[in-house]
C-alpha atoms as a PDB file:
ATOM      1  CA  GLN A   1      13.783 -21.103  40.491  1.00  0.00           C
ATOM      2  CA  ILE A   2      14.159 -24.687  42.325  1.00  0.00           C
ATOM      3  CA  ILE A   3      17.764 -24.364  42.481  1.00  0.00           C
ATOM      4  CA  ASN A   4      17.738 -20.871  43.976  1.00  0.00           C
ATOM      5  CA  ILE A   5      15.163 -22.239  46.416  1.00  0.00           C
ATOM      6  CA  LEU A   6      17.384 -25.021  47.692  1.00  0.00           C
ATOM      7  CA  SER A   7      20.470 -23.136  47.553  1.00  0.00           C
ATOM      8  CA  ARG A   8      18.829 -20.369  50.166  1.00  0.00           C
ATOM      9  CA  SER A   9      17.899 -23.668  52.432  1.00  0.00           C
ATOM     10  CA  LEU A  10      21.573 -25.070  52.400  1.00  0.00           C
ATOM     11  CA  PRO A  11      24.430 -23.035  54.550  1.00  0.00           C
ATOM     12  CA  THR A  12      26.752 -20.313  52.629  1.00  0.00           C
ATOM     13  CA  GLY A  13      29.239 -22.615  51.243  1.00  0.00           C
ATOM     14  CA  GLU A  14      27.084 -25.812  50.199  1.00  0.00           C
ATOM     15  CA  GLY A  15      24.860 -23.033  48.629  1.00  0.00           C
ATOM     16  CA  ASN A  16      27.783 -21.683  47.177  1.00  0.00           C
ATOM     17  CA  ILE A  17      28.881 -24.472  45.854  1.00  0.00           C
ATOM     18  CA  LEU A  18      25.703 -25.528  44.157  1.00  0.00           C
ATOM     19  CA  LEU A  19      25.204 -22.189  42.307  1.00  0.00           C
ATOM     20  CA  GLU A  20      28.569 -21.962  41.273  1.00  0.00           C
ATOM     21  CA  SER A  21      28.499 -25.574  39.624  1.00  0.00           C
ATOM     22  CA  GLN A  22      25.062 -24.629  37.707  1.00  0.00           C
ATOM     23  CA  LEU A  23      27.242 -21.403  36.294  1.00  0.00           C
ATOM     24  CA  LYS A  24      29.264 -24.388  34.558  1.00  0.00           C
ATOM     25  CA  ASP A  25      26.001 -25.908  32.523  1.00  0.00           C
ATOM     26  CA  PRO A  26      26.641 -24.912  29.127  1.00  0.00           C
ATOM     27  CA  SER A  27      23.158 -25.198  28.503  1.00  0.00           C
ATOM     28  CA  LEU A  28      22.220 -22.013  30.954  1.00  0.00           C
ATOM     29  CA  ASP A  29      20.869 -18.949  28.902  1.00  0.00           C
ATOM     30  CA  GLY A  30      21.965 -15.758  29.721  1.00  0.00           C
ATOM     31  CA  LYS A  31      18.758 -15.415  31.962  1.00  0.00           C
ATOM     32  CA  GLY A  32      19.491 -18.590  33.777  1.00  0.00           C
ATOM     33  CA  ARG A  33      23.131 -17.016  34.520  1.00  0.00           C
ATOM     34  CA  PHE A  34      22.022 -13.575  35.741  1.00  0.00           C
ATOM     35  CA  ASN A  35      19.549 -15.498  38.259  1.00  0.00           C
ATOM     36  CA  ARG A  36      22.046 -17.868  39.482  1.00  0.00           C
ATOM     37  CA  LEU A  37      24.843 -14.752  39.825  1.00  0.00           C
ATOM     38  CA  ASN A  38      22.123 -12.993  41.560  1.00  0.00           C
ATOM     39  CA  ALA A  39      21.626 -15.547  44.116  1.00  0.00           C
ATOM     40  CA  LEU A  40      25.453 -15.663  44.556  1.00  0.00           C
ATOM     41  CA  ARG A  41      25.475 -11.890  45.123  1.00  0.00           C
ATOM     42  CA  GLY A  42      22.581 -12.196  47.910  1.00  0.00           C
ATOM     43  CA  ARG A  43      25.198 -14.380  49.803  1.00  0.00           C
ATOM     44  CA  CYS A  44      28.113 -12.166  49.462  1.00  0.00           C
ATOM     45  CA  GLY A  45      27.507 -10.164  52.587  1.00  0.00           C
ATOM     46  CA  ASN A  46      25.199  -7.080  53.671  1.00  0.00           C
ATOM     47  CA  VAL A  47      25.535  -4.137  51.753  1.00  0.00           C
ATOM     48  CA  ASN A  48      22.689  -2.072  52.899  1.00  0.00           C
ATOM     49  CA  ARG A  49      23.404   1.168  53.709  1.00  0.00           C
ATOM     50  CA  PHE A  50      23.458   1.180  57.638  1.00  0.00           C
ATOM     51  CA  GLN A  51      24.918  -1.623  58.227  1.00  0.00           C
ATOM     52  CA  ARG A  52      28.623  -0.723  56.795  1.00  0.00           C
ATOM     53  CA  GLY A  53      29.792  -0.600  60.542  1.00  0.00           C
ATOM     54  CA  PHE A  54      29.161  -4.254  61.371  1.00  0.00           C
ATOM     55  CA  ASN A  55      29.200  -6.102  58.234  1.00  0.00           C
ATOM     56  CA  ASP A  56      32.311  -7.833  56.093  1.00  0.00           C
ATOM     57  CA  PRO A  57      34.384  -4.981  54.674  1.00  0.00           C
ATOM     58  CA  THR A  58      34.754  -6.914  51.528  1.00  0.00           C
ATOM     59  CA  ALA A  59      31.143  -7.799  51.031  1.00  0.00           C
ATOM     60  CA  TYR A  60      30.922  -4.468  48.462  1.00  0.00           C
ATOM     61  CA  PRO A  61      33.726  -5.522  46.358  1.00  0.00           C
ATOM     62  CA  LYS A  62      32.248  -9.229  45.914  1.00  0.00           C
ATOM     63  CA  TRP A  63      28.647  -7.626  45.366  1.00  0.00           C
ATOM     64  CA  ARG A  64      29.990  -5.186  42.492  1.00  0.00           C
ATOM     65  CA  ALA A  65      32.071  -8.393  40.702  1.00  0.00           C
ATOM     66  CA  PHE A  66      28.891 -10.187  40.875  1.00  0.00           C
ATOM     67  CA  THR A  67      27.081  -7.293  39.606  1.00  0.00           C
ATOM     68  CA  ASP A  68      29.903  -6.603  36.491  1.00  0.00           C
ATOM     69  CA  GLN A  69      28.987 -10.407  35.813  1.00  0.00           C
ATOM     70  CA  MET A  70      25.448 -10.233  35.946  1.00  0.00           C
ATOM     71  CA  LEU A  71      25.276  -6.571  33.513  1.00  0.00           C
ATOM     72  CA  SER A  72      27.393  -8.869  31.045  1.00  0.00           C
ATOM     73  CA  ALA A  73      25.215 -12.020  31.558  1.00  0.00           C
ATOM     74  CA  PHE A  74      21.908 -10.423  30.530  1.00  0.00           C
ATOM     75  CA  GLU A  75      20.528  -7.409  30.063  1.00  0.00           C
ATOM     76  CA  SER A  76      17.521  -6.549  32.387  1.00  0.00           C
ATOM     77  CA  ASN A  77      14.712  -4.648  31.560  1.00  0.00           C
ATOM     78  CA  ASP A  78      13.614  -4.146  35.400  1.00  0.00           C
ATOM     79  CA  VAL A  79      14.113  -0.689  36.566  1.00  0.00           C
ATOM     80  CA  ASN A  80      14.483  -1.647  40.112  1.00  0.00           C
ATOM     81  CA  PHE A  81      17.417  -3.894  39.356  1.00  0.00           C
ATOM     82  CA  TYR A  82      19.184  -0.815  38.434  1.00  0.00           C
ATOM     83  CA  THR A  83      18.190   1.999  40.780  1.00  0.00           C
ATOM     84  CA  LYS A  84      19.231  -0.588  43.390  1.00  0.00           C
ATOM     85  CA  ASN A  85      22.464  -1.151  42.006  1.00  0.00           C
ATOM     86  CA  ALA A  86      22.699   2.848  41.507  1.00  0.00           C
ATOM     87  CA  ASP A  87      21.646   3.378  45.368  1.00  0.00           C
ATOM     88  CA  THR A  88      24.022   0.502  46.765  1.00  0.00           C
ATOM     89  CA  ALA A  89      26.922   1.897  44.656  1.00  0.00           C
ATOM     90  CA  TYR A  90      26.786   5.478  45.706  1.00  0.00           C
ATOM     91  CA  ASN A  91      26.530   4.364  49.259  1.00  0.00           C
ATOM     92  CA  TYR A  92      29.801   3.002  49.057  1.00  0.00           C
ATOM     93  CA  GLY A  93      31.044   5.986  47.190  1.00  0.00           C
ATOM     94  CA  ASP A  94      31.564   4.529  43.519  1.00  0.00           C
ATOM     95  CA  PHE A  95      29.957   7.362  42.043  1.00  0.00           C
ATOM     96  CA  ALA A  96      30.706   6.978  38.212  1.00  0.00           C
ATOM     97  CA  PHE A  97      29.097   3.437  38.511  1.00  0.00           C
ATOM     98  CA  ALA A  98      26.277   4.520  40.246  1.00  0.00           C
ATOM     99  CA  GLU A  99      25.625   7.221  37.410  1.00  0.00           C
ATOM    100  CA  GLN A 100      26.044   4.459  35.168  1.00  0.00           C
ATOM    101  CA  GLN A 101      23.475   2.455  36.528  1.00  0.00           C
ATOM    102  CA  VAL A 102      20.753   5.345  37.494  1.00  0.00           C
ATOM    103  CA  ALA A 103      21.061   6.575  33.762  1.00  0.00           C
ATOM    104  CA  LYS A 104      20.080   3.136  32.379  1.00  0.00           C
ATOM    105  CA  ALA A 105      17.197   3.228  35.178  1.00  0.00           C
ATOM    106  CA  LEU A 106      15.965   6.408  33.961  1.00  0.00           C
ATOM    107  CA  SER A 107      16.155   5.129  30.341  1.00  0.00           C
ATOM    108  CA  ILE A 108      13.897   2.480  31.238  1.00  0.00           C
ATOM    109  CA  ASN A 109      11.063   4.178  33.596  1.00  0.00           C
ATOM    110  CA  PRO A 110      12.347   7.292  35.052  1.00  0.00           C
ATOM    111  CA  ALA A 111       8.953   7.985  37.195  1.00  0.00           C
ATOM    112  CA  ARG A 112      10.288   5.171  39.139  1.00  0.00           C
ATOM    113  CA  CYS A 113      13.913   6.128  40.046  1.00  0.00           C
ATOM    114  CA  VAL A 114      13.483  10.164  40.522  1.00  0.00           C
ATOM    115  CA  ASP A 115      14.424   9.897  44.311  1.00  0.00           C
ATOM    116  CA  THR A 116      17.958   8.157  43.452  1.00  0.00           C
ATOM    117  CA  ALA A 117      18.489   9.906  40.211  1.00  0.00           C
ATOM    118  CA  VAL A 118      17.819  13.437  41.868  1.00  0.00           C
ATOM    119  CA  MET A 119      19.970  12.359  44.802  1.00  0.00           C
ATOM    120  CA  ILE A 120      23.219  11.212  42.424  1.00  0.00           C
ATOM    121  CA  TYR A 121      22.905  14.366  40.148  1.00  0.00           C
ATOM    122  CA  LEU A 122      22.584  16.699  42.738  1.00  0.00           C
ATOM    123  CA  HIS A 123      25.755  15.210  44.225  1.00  0.00           C
ATOM    124  CA  LYS A 124      27.373  15.762  41.066  1.00  0.00           C
ATOM    125  CA  LYS A 125      26.011  19.057  41.357  1.00  0.00           C
ATOM    126  CA  ASP A 126      24.876  18.864  37.525  1.00  0.00           C
ATOM    127  CA  THR A 127      22.062  21.610  37.852  1.00  0.00           C
ATOM    128  CA  LYS A 128      20.637  20.974  34.552  1.00  0.00           C
ATOM    129  CA  LYS A 129      20.053  17.332  34.827  1.00  0.00           C
ATOM    130  CA  VAL A 130      18.467  17.932  38.041  1.00  0.00           C
ATOM    131  CA  SER A 131      16.052  20.309  36.759  1.00  0.00           C
ATOM    132  CA  GLU A 132      15.417  17.840  33.726  1.00  0.00           C
ATOM    133  CA  ILE A 133      14.563  14.872  35.766  1.00  0.00           C
ATOM    134  CA  ILE A 134      12.284  17.107  38.056  1.00  0.00           C
ATOM    135  CA  ALA A 135      10.442  18.902  35.204  1.00  0.00           C
ATOM    136  CA  ALA A 136       9.386  15.406  33.638  1.00  0.00           C
ATOM    137  CA  GLU A 137       8.125  14.114  36.966  1.00  0.00           C
ATOM    138  CA  ILE A 138       5.977  17.325  37.971  1.00  0.00           C
ATOM    139  CA  LYS A 139       4.768  17.748  34.227  1.00  0.00           C
ATOM    140  CA  ASP A 140       0.575  18.019  34.143  1.00  0.00           C
ATOM    141  CA  LYS A 141       0.379  17.263  38.009  1.00  0.00           C
ATOM    142  CA  GLU A 142      -1.249  19.176  40.810  1.00  0.00           C
ATOM    143  CA  ALA A 143       1.106  21.642  42.378  1.00  0.00           C
ATOM    144  CA  VAL A 144       0.420  20.140  45.664  1.00  0.00           C
ATOM    145  CA  LYS A 145       1.739  16.937  44.458  1.00  0.00           C
ATOM    146  CA  THR A 146       4.818  18.662  42.960  1.00  0.00           C
ATOM    147  CA  ARG A 147       5.509  20.666  46.131  1.00  0.00           C
ATOM    148  CA  HIS A 148       8.383  18.609  47.318  1.00  0.00           C
ATOM    149  CA  TRP A 149      10.304  18.330  43.720  1.00  0.00           C
ATOM    150  CA  ARG A 150       9.851  21.953  42.975  1.00  0.00           C
ATOM    151  CA  MET A 151      11.310  23.047  46.293  1.00  0.00           C
ATOM    152  CA  VAL A 152      14.459  20.778  45.848  1.00  0.00           C
ATOM    153  CA  ASP A 153      14.746  22.387  42.429  1.00  0.00           C
ATOM    154  CA  TYR A 154      14.574  25.666  43.746  1.00  0.00           C
ATOM    155  CA  PHE A 155      17.738  25.193  45.920  1.00  0.00           C
ATOM    156  CA  ASN A 156      19.171  23.211  43.114  1.00  0.00           C
ATOM    157  CA  LYS A 157      19.304  26.151  41.073  1.00  0.00           C
ATOM    158  CA  GLY A 158      20.705  28.453  43.591  1.00  0.00           C
ATOM    159  CA  GLY A 159      17.914  29.695  45.589  1.00  0.00           C
ATOM    160  CA  LYS A 160      18.077  30.435  49.349  1.00  0.00           C
ATOM    161  CA  CYS A 161      16.010  30.231  52.001  1.00  0.00           C
ATOM    162  CA  LYS A 162      15.594  33.912  52.152  1.00  0.00           C
ATOM    163  CA  GLY A 163      14.008  34.157  48.872  1.00  0.00           C
ATOM    164  CA  PHE A 164      11.835  30.885  49.662  1.00  0.00           C
ATOM    165  CA  ASP A 165       8.630  32.852  50.450  1.00  0.00           C
ATOM    166  CA  LYS A 166       8.667  34.672  47.471  1.00  0.00           C
ATOM    167  CA  ALA A 167       9.094  31.847  45.643  1.00  0.00           C
ATOM    168  CA  PHE A 168       6.513  29.464  46.629  1.00  0.00           C
ATOM    169  CA  ALA A 169       4.129  32.624  47.444  1.00  0.00           C
ATOM    170  CA  ALA A 170       1.393  30.876  45.307  1.00  0.00           C
ATOM    171  CA  ASP A 171       1.390  27.445  47.229  1.00  0.00           C
ATOM    172  CA  LYS A 172       0.491  29.354  50.220  1.00  0.00           C
ATOM    173  CA  LEU A 173       1.952  27.220  52.808  1.00  0.00           C
ATOM    174  CA  THR A 174       1.314  26.965  56.079  1.00  0.00           C
ATOM    175  CA  SER A 175       4.061  27.423  58.921  1.00  0.00           C
ATOM    176  CA  PRO A 176       4.210  23.495  59.300  1.00  0.00           C
ATOM    177  CA  GLU A 177       4.044  22.525  55.571  1.00  0.00           C
ATOM    178  CA  LYS A 178       6.785  24.942  54.811  1.00  0.00           C
ATOM    179  CA  LEU A 179       8.722  23.659  57.840  1.00  0.00           C
ATOM    180  CA  ASN A 180       8.078  20.237  56.650  1.00  0.00           C
ATOM    181  CA  GLY A 181       9.181  21.192  53.125  1.00  0.00           C
ATOM    182  CA  LEU A 182      12.454  22.543  54.090  1.00  0.00           C
ATOM    183  CA  ARG A 183      13.105  19.654  56.119  1.00  0.00           C
ATOM    184  CA  ASN A 184      12.562  17.214  53.617  1.00  0.00           C
ATOM    185  CA  VAL A 185      14.476  19.315  51.137  1.00  0.00           C
ATOM    186  CA  SER A 186      17.453  18.747  54.047  1.00  0.00           C
ATOM    187  CA  GLU A 187      16.834  15.340  53.658  1.00  0.00           C
ATOM    188  CA  ILE A 188      17.412  14.622  50.203  1.00  0.00           C
ATOM    189  CA  MET A 189      20.399  17.290  50.067  1.00  0.00           C
ATOM    190  CA  PHE A 190      22.296  15.437  53.205  1.00  0.00           C
ATOM    191  CA  ARG A 191      21.954  12.252  51.052  1.00  0.00           C
ATOM    192  CA  ALA A 192      23.712  14.260  48.246  1.00  0.00           C
ATOM    193  CA  THR A 193      26.058  15.408  50.654  1.00  0.00           C
ATOM    194  CA  ARG A 194      25.287  19.079  49.662  1.00  0.00           C
ATOM    195  CA  PHE A 195      25.935  19.890  53.378  1.00  0.00           C
ATOM    196  CA  ASP A 196      26.089  23.685  52.314  1.00  0.00           C
ATOM    197  CA  VAL A 197      22.287  23.747  51.805  1.00  0.00           C
ATOM    198  CA  CYS A 198      21.562  21.606  54.478  1.00  0.00           C
ATOM    199  CA  GLN A 199      23.460  24.185  56.941  1.00  0.00           C
ATOM    200  CA  GLU A 200      21.598  26.882  55.656  1.00  0.00           C
ATOM    201  CA  ILE A 201      18.451  25.297  55.896  1.00  0.00           C
ATOM    202  CA  TYR A 202      19.160  24.477  59.562  1.00  0.00           C
ATOM    203  CA  ASP A 203      20.629  27.992  60.589  1.00  0.00           C
ATOM    204  CA  TYR A 204      17.097  29.690  58.741  1.00  0.00           C
ATOM    205  CA  ILE A 205      15.089  27.464  60.914  1.00  0.00           C
ATOM    206  CA  GLN A 206      16.556  27.471  63.851  1.00  0.00           C
ATOM    207  CA  LYS A 207      16.940  31.613  63.582  1.00  0.00           C
ATOM    208  CA  GLU A 208      13.938  32.395  61.263  1.00  0.00           C
ATOM    209  CA  MET A 209      11.066  30.015  62.143  1.00  0.00           C
ATOM    210  CA  PHE A 210      11.143  29.339  65.881  1.00  0.00           C
ATOM    211  CA  ILE A 211      11.620  31.919  68.365  1.00  0.00           C
ATOM    212  CA  SER A 212      12.981  32.216  71.842  1.00  0.00           C
ATOM    213  CA  LEU A 213      10.961  32.086  74.733  1.00  0.00           C
ATOM    214  CA  ALA A 214      12.412  33.702  77.939  1.00  0.00           C
ATOM    215  CA  SER A 215      12.180  31.882  81.157  1.00  0.00           C
ATOM    216  CA  PRO A 216       9.317  33.309  83.294  1.00  0.00           C
ATOM    217  CA  GLU A 217      10.873  35.608  86.235  1.00  0.00           C
ATOM    218  CA  HIS A 218       9.082  36.449  89.224  1.00  0.00           C
END
């Protein structure tokens, strides 16, 4: 921990040299290597989702190389580590690795990675897997708390906007609740690149949920 703190106070080059020298220490255990590699990974460039147009284009390959070394050095039990790995890989189109990492997160604590897992399996169009994840998430919970995921699963299974009111009649949705629900479904579908569903929802909202008001004439 002291080495990590010290490395952060140094310029990138000197900090990297310090961390890399530590990796050569034969007495360093797997967890220690994992932590040093994680510190180096954090210095390889910006890999955040909304920064790709501004960062170093070599950042993700470097990030992935450090991640592979971390996975070899030590088997973490931190669901957030695997979930963040999956999110980052998915955002850069590294879909096979993203699925591998989210599968590990699901094996540790499914409730902590539902959003990422559903997004990735929606992208794969793995209807069965999406439904399984959602079923586990909503089990024994109140209807109001499960509404979002039930809506996602409705479209995951091929449901259409025209049948939406009937499918969710028991929820007695107000117009704002319905609109917000559809928009939230569209948001995760967009991240999952299911643009056909997003387009259907958009068209439905524009044509069926809003009315055109004619300009007053005198």
